[in-house]
Amino acid sequence: MAPGPNTATRRDAEEIAATFPPLLAAADRVASTVAQGVHGRRRVGQGETFWQYRRFAFGDSPSDIDWRRSARSDRLYVRQTEWDAAQSIWLWPDLTASMRYASRLDLPKKQDRVAVLSLALASLLTRGGERIALLDRPEPPETGRAVLDRIAMAVMHKIAGAPQDYDVPQVPALPRYANVVLISDFMVDRDALMTFLRDMAARGVRGHLLQVLDPSEARLPFRGRTWFRGLETEGELLVRRAESLHDGYMARLDALQTSLATFAQQAGWSFAIHRTDAPPEPALLSLFMAMADRQAAGG
């Protein structure tokens, strides 16, 4: 007799629950480690608590000048405050089929590393009172443990669910100066990807890109007769001399990374690369600090 819907639902729930403990424990460990490194870091913003004076610079508004402090010097000074206003941040962890790849048994799948980094970042942001949401989900940004649990459940559900082909996410109507964090291998049609990113930047969205690669994708070390099997719609390919693909592949990867880095520099975003054979903590710390620095700089 075929299993009924309740049986299937229970089986899906059990698969998701089985994935929860190790990934959530890893995310919590990574977040706690990074939190120690950024503890006490202050950020410039629209709060009311005084932080410091700094010299007036090009681009500052004359209304920001503190005339009392400036009167005691021959220079103009701006009064800066701590960042008190919570920011809205949309996260997009790429958990599509191509991310279910690891070149060795001792390496995490790309999707698992993406999940750990995303959930650890979400934990750090909610600890700081930031409002967060998933970019491809309808729920509005919120802060607190409840939203963190909801995001974790959505991430685990995707991991346990049927694989989906890669596509750029469908972006909702984000407010101007919203913040997005995209964590992916970005191995999709480069023109479509760049059009998607430029469209967000043109709407005033600020963002951060973290490319996650398996070490074999970062250097293509294969030699001799090799069978390549795509995880999405790429099909299969038998190559007699895999080393013959190396130069062309590396040129395309370099072109993709150059396009992303150039876009980020021009748009005021950040871009970084992380390999799954490296520990996740430095990547998370670098991403979190880049977000803090962009917000401190006003974009």
Protein backbone atom coordinates (compact mmCIF):
# COMPACT_ATOMS: atom_id res chain seq x y z
CA MET A 1 0.00 0.00 0.00
CA ALA A 2 1.31 3.43 -0.94
CA PRO A 3 2.24 5.71 1.94
CA GLY A 4 -0.37 8.33 2.75
CA PRO A 5 0.28 12.08 2.90
CA ASN A 6 0.81 12.01 6.66
CA THR A 7 3.55 9.40 6.26
CA ALA A 8 5.28 11.42 3.56
CA THR A 9 5.01 14.59 5.62
CA ARG A 10 6.43 12.84 8.66
CA ARG A 11 9.31 11.44 6.61
CA ASP A 12 10.10 14.90 5.22
CA ALA A 13 10.03 16.33 8.74
CA GLU A 14 12.36 13.61 9.98
CA GLU A 15 14.83 14.29 7.16
CA ILE A 16 14.82 17.99 7.96
CA ALA A 17 15.15 17.33 11.68
CA ALA A 18 18.11 15.03 11.06
CA THR A 19 19.88 17.85 9.22
CA PHE A 20 19.22 20.42 11.92
CA PRO A 21 21.58 19.50 14.79
CA PRO A 22 24.98 19.39 13.01
CA LEU A 23 24.44 22.43 10.80
CA LEU A 24 22.86 24.55 13.52
CA ALA A 25 25.58 23.55 15.97
CA ALA A 26 28.22 24.48 13.41
CA ALA A 27 26.52 27.80 12.67
CA ASP A 28 26.25 28.61 16.37
CA ARG A 29 29.91 27.76 16.93
CA VAL A 30 31.03 29.91 13.99
CA ALA A 31 28.81 32.81 15.09
CA SER A 32 30.08 32.65 18.68
CA THR A 33 33.71 32.63 17.54
CA VAL A 34 33.23 35.60 15.25
CA ALA A 35 31.14 37.47 17.84
CA GLN A 36 34.17 37.50 20.15
CA GLY A 37 36.19 39.17 17.43
CA VAL A 38 33.67 41.96 16.83
CA HIS A 39 32.49 42.42 20.41
CA GLY A 40 32.28 46.10 21.27
CA ARG A 41 32.74 47.31 17.71
CA ARG A 42 30.91 50.60 17.21
CA ARG A 43 29.34 51.77 14.01
CA VAL A 44 28.53 55.22 12.76
CA GLY A 45 24.85 55.94 12.20
CA GLN A 46 21.72 57.83 13.08
CA GLY A 47 21.58 57.07 16.80
CA GLU A 48 21.56 59.61 19.60
CA THR A 49 24.52 58.42 21.69
CA PHE A 50 27.68 60.45 21.09
CA TRP A 51 30.71 58.54 19.86
CA GLN A 52 33.42 60.86 18.53
CA TYR A 53 34.31 63.99 16.58
CA ARG A 54 36.00 63.77 13.21
CA ARG A 55 37.17 66.34 10.73
CA PHE A 56 34.67 67.65 8.19
CA ALA A 57 35.26 65.92 4.84
CA PHE A 58 34.09 66.32 1.25
CA GLY A 59 30.56 64.93 0.95
CA ASP A 60 29.54 65.81 4.51
CA SER A 61 26.51 68.01 4.96
CA PRO A 62 27.14 71.45 6.52
CA SER A 63 24.24 70.68 8.87
CA ASP A 64 26.37 67.93 10.43
CA ILE A 65 29.07 70.36 11.56
CA ASP A 66 29.39 70.74 15.31
CA TRP A 67 30.05 74.49 15.53
CA ARG A 68 30.82 74.49 19.26
CA ARG A 69 33.64 71.96 18.82
CA SER A 70 34.83 73.63 15.60
CA ALA A 71 35.05 77.01 17.34
CA ARG A 72 37.88 75.64 19.52
CA SER A 73 40.02 74.90 16.48
CA ASP A 74 40.88 76.21 13.05
CA ARG A 75 39.21 73.14 11.50
CA LEU A 76 35.60 72.06 11.07
CA TYR A 77 34.43 68.96 12.95
CA VAL A 78 31.45 66.63 12.55
CA ARG A 79 29.76 65.00 15.52
CA GLN A 80 29.30 61.26 15.06
CA THR A 81 26.93 59.00 16.96
CA GLU A 82 26.69 55.27 17.56
CA TRP A 83 24.55 53.18 15.27
CA ASP A 84 21.27 52.72 17.06
CA ALA A 85 18.81 52.25 14.23
CA ALA A 86 18.38 48.62 13.18
CA GLN A 87 18.97 47.94 9.49
CA SER A 88 16.94 45.65 7.25
CA ILE A 89 19.03 42.94 5.63
CA TRP A 90 17.86 40.32 3.14
CA LEU A 91 19.86 37.08 2.91
CA TRP A 92 20.04 34.77 -0.10
CA PRO A 93 21.81 31.47 0.53
CA ASP A 94 22.07 29.58 -2.75
CA LEU A 95 20.82 26.06 -2.01
CA THR A 96 20.09 24.99 -5.58
CA ALA A 97 21.14 21.65 -7.06
CA SER A 98 24.63 22.72 -8.16
CA MET A 99 25.51 23.48 -4.55
CA ARG A 100 25.12 19.80 -3.59
CA TYR A 101 28.70 19.14 -4.58
CA ALA A 102 31.85 18.15 -2.75
CA SER A 103 34.91 16.80 -4.53
CA ARG A 104 36.04 14.76 -1.53
CA LEU A 105 34.34 12.94 1.31
CA ASP A 106 36.27 14.96 3.89
CA LEU A 107 34.89 18.25 2.52
CA PRO A 108 31.46 19.75 3.20
CA LYS A 109 29.04 20.13 0.35
CA LYS A 110 28.85 23.71 -0.85
CA GLN A 111 25.23 23.92 0.29
CA ASP A 112 26.18 22.91 3.83
CA ARG A 113 28.87 25.58 4.01
CA VAL A 114 26.47 28.16 2.57
CA ALA A 115 23.87 27.16 5.17
CA VAL A 116 26.36 27.43 8.04
CA LEU A 117 27.62 30.84 6.89
CA SER A 118 24.09 32.17 6.32
CA LEU A 119 22.72 30.98 9.65
CA ALA A 120 25.81 32.16 11.53
CA LEU A 121 25.50 35.58 9.88
CA ALA A 122 21.79 35.67 10.74
CA SER A 123 22.67 34.88 14.35
CA LEU A 124 25.23 37.68 14.49
CA LEU A 125 22.83 40.17 12.95
CA THR A 126 19.95 39.35 15.29
CA ARG A 127 22.31 39.59 18.27
CA GLY A 128 22.98 43.15 17.13
CA GLY A 129 19.27 43.93 16.81
CA GLU A 130 19.24 43.97 13.01
CA ARG A 131 16.10 43.05 11.08
CA ILE A 132 16.63 40.14 8.69
CA ALA A 133 14.68 38.15 6.11
CA LEU A 134 15.29 35.72 3.28
CA LEU A 135 15.34 37.39 -0.11
CA ASP A 136 13.17 34.76 -1.80
CA ARG A 137 10.57 34.49 0.99
CA PRO A 138 7.52 36.73 1.52
CA GLU A 139 8.07 37.40 5.24
CA PRO A 140 9.18 40.97 6.08
CA PRO A 141 12.46 41.58 7.96
CA GLU A 142 12.26 41.08 11.71
CA THR A 143 14.69 40.61 14.56
CA GLY A 144 14.85 38.19 17.46
CA ARG A 145 15.08 34.47 18.03
CA ALA A 146 11.77 33.72 16.33
CA VAL A 147 12.90 35.02 12.94
CA LEU A 148 16.22 33.21 13.32
CA ASP A 149 14.38 29.93 13.92
CA ARG A 150 12.09 30.59 10.96
CA ILE A 151 15.02 31.25 8.64
CA ALA A 152 16.79 28.13 9.89
CA MET A 153 13.70 26.03 9.19
CA ALA A 154 13.37 27.45 5.67
CA VAL A 155 17.05 26.77 4.94
CA MET A 156 16.84 23.19 6.23
CA HIS A 157 13.63 22.57 4.29
CA LYS A 158 15.40 23.56 1.06
CA ILE A 159 18.36 21.31 1.83
CA ALA A 160 16.07 18.33 2.51
CA GLY A 161 13.75 19.06 -0.39
CA ALA A 162 13.91 18.27 -4.08
CA PRO A 163 16.87 19.91 -5.85
CA GLN A 164 16.08 23.07 -7.79
CA ASP A 165 17.94 24.39 -10.83
CA TYR A 166 19.98 27.56 -10.39
CA ASP A 167 18.43 30.89 -11.21
CA VAL A 168 18.87 34.39 -9.88
CA PRO A 169 16.37 35.01 -7.08
CA GLN A 170 13.13 36.85 -7.69
CA VAL A 171 13.73 40.10 -5.83
CA PRO A 172 10.76 41.73 -4.08
CA ALA A 173 10.25 45.49 -4.07
CA LEU A 174 13.06 46.36 -1.68
CA PRO A 175 13.28 49.80 -0.10
CA ARG A 176 16.02 52.10 -1.31
CA TYR A 177 19.28 51.53 0.57
CA ALA A 178 18.19 48.05 1.61
CA ASN A 179 21.01 45.59 2.24
CA VAL A 180 21.30 42.18 0.57
CA VAL A 181 23.79 39.38 1.15
CA LEU A 182 24.15 36.84 -1.67
CA ILE A 183 26.13 33.66 -0.90
CA SER A 184 26.53 31.42 -3.94
CA ASP A 185 29.01 29.95 -6.40
CA PHE A 186 27.50 32.40 -8.96
CA MET A 187 28.08 29.82 -11.70
CA VAL A 188 25.21 30.87 -13.86
CA ASP A 189 24.99 32.75 -17.14
CA ARG A 190 27.27 35.72 -16.51
CA ASP A 191 25.22 38.23 -18.53
CA ALA A 192 22.01 37.32 -16.68
CA LEU A 193 23.81 37.52 -13.33
CA MET A 194 25.35 40.91 -14.01
CA THR A 195 22.05 42.31 -15.30
CA PHE A 196 20.38 41.14 -12.09
CA LEU A 197 23.06 42.74 -9.89
CA ARG A 198 23.16 46.03 -11.80
CA ASP A 199 19.38 46.28 -11.60
CA MET A 200 19.50 46.03 -7.81
CA ALA A 201 22.33 48.55 -7.57
CA ALA A 202 20.44 50.97 -9.81
CA ARG A 203 17.53 50.85 -7.35
CA GLY A 204 19.86 51.93 -4.55
CA VAL A 205 20.22 48.48 -2.99
CA ARG A 206 23.51 47.88 -1.18
CA GLY A 207 24.94 44.41 -1.18
CA HIS A 208 27.61 41.89 -0.38
CA LEU A 209 28.67 38.95 -2.53
CA LEU A 210 30.39 35.86 -1.17
CA GLN A 211 31.39 33.24 -3.72
CA VAL A 212 31.66 29.73 -2.24
CA LEU A 213 33.68 27.23 -4.26
CA ASP A 214 34.84 23.67 -3.80
CA PRO A 215 38.66 23.54 -4.15
CA SER A 216 38.30 21.49 -7.34
CA GLU A 217 36.23 24.31 -8.84
CA ALA A 218 38.85 26.85 -7.82
CA ARG A 219 41.70 25.15 -9.70
CA LEU A 220 40.27 22.23 -11.81
CA PRO A 221 42.98 19.69 -10.87
CA PHE A 222 41.58 16.73 -12.85
CA ARG A 223 43.84 14.83 -15.23
CA GLY A 224 43.39 12.00 -17.68
CA ARG A 225 40.10 10.31 -18.53
CA THR A 226 37.40 12.04 -16.46
CA TRP A 227 33.63 11.79 -16.40
CA PHE A 228 31.89 15.09 -15.59
CA ARG A 229 28.24 14.89 -14.54
CA GLY A 230 26.17 18.03 -14.11
CA LEU A 231 23.93 18.41 -11.06
CA GLU A 232 21.31 20.43 -12.93
CA THR A 233 20.68 20.58 -16.70
CA GLU A 234 24.29 20.39 -17.89
CA GLY A 235 24.16 16.69 -18.77
CA GLU A 236 27.26 14.49 -18.78
CA LEU A 237 30.64 14.76 -20.49
CA LEU A 238 33.42 12.23 -20.89
CA VAL A 239 36.81 13.86 -21.44
CA ARG A 240 39.86 11.82 -22.40
CA ARG A 241 42.34 14.43 -21.19
CA ALA A 242 40.73 16.57 -18.48
CA GLU A 243 43.86 18.73 -18.24
CA SER A 244 43.03 20.06 -21.72
CA LEU A 245 40.07 21.91 -20.18
CA HIS A 246 42.12 23.62 -17.49
CA ASP A 247 43.19 26.83 -19.24
CA GLY A 248 39.79 27.56 -20.78
CA TYR A 249 37.97 26.85 -17.52
CA MET A 250 40.31 29.01 -15.46
CA ALA A 251 39.94 31.86 -17.95
CA ARG A 252 36.15 31.73 -17.62
CA LEU A 253 36.32 31.57 -13.83
CA ASP A 254 38.72 34.52 -13.77
CA ALA A 255 36.40 36.49 -16.06
CA LEU A 256 33.45 35.81 -13.75
CA GLN A 257 35.35 36.82 -10.63
CA THR A 258 36.72 39.92 -12.34
CA SER A 259 33.20 40.93 -13.38
CA LEU A 260 31.90 40.48 -9.83
CA ALA A 261 34.84 42.35 -8.27
CA THR A 262 34.56 45.22 -10.76
CA PHE A 263 30.81 45.50 -10.22
CA ALA A 264 31.26 45.50 -6.44
CA GLN A 265 33.88 48.22 -6.59
CA GLN A 266 31.78 50.43 -8.87
CA ALA A 267 28.52 49.88 -6.97
CA GLY A 268 29.99 50.23 -3.48
CA TRP A 269 29.29 46.59 -2.68
CA SER A 270 31.73 44.01 -1.32
CA PHE A 271 32.95 40.80 -2.96
CA ALA A 272 34.91 37.92 -1.46
CA ILE A 273 35.76 34.31 -2.31
CA HIS A 274 35.63 31.37 0.08
CA ARG A 275 36.73 27.77 -0.48
CA THR A 276 35.14 24.90 1.37
CA ASP A 277 38.54 23.47 2.37
CA ALA A 278 39.12 26.61 4.48
CA PRO A 279 37.50 27.21 7.89
CA PRO A 280 34.28 29.26 7.76
CA GLU A 281 35.14 31.70 10.58
CA PRO A 282 37.48 34.01 8.59
CA ALA A 283 34.98 34.23 5.74
CA LEU A 284 32.16 35.15 8.11
CA LEU A 285 34.27 37.68 9.97
CA SER A 286 35.36 39.32 6.72
CA LEU A 287 31.76 39.47 5.49
CA PHE A 288 30.42 40.84 8.76
CA MET A 289 33.14 43.51 8.96
CA ALA A 290 32.54 44.50 5.34
CA MET A 291 28.86 45.01 6.16
CA ALA A 292 29.71 47.09 9.21
CA ASP A 293 32.22 49.19 7.28
CA ARG A 294 29.80 49.86 4.41
CA GLN A 295 27.09 50.94 6.83
CA ALA A 296 29.58 53.11 8.71
CA ALA A 297 30.54 54.78 5.44
CA GLY A 298 26.88 55.38 4.63
CA GLY A 299 26.65 52.88 1.80
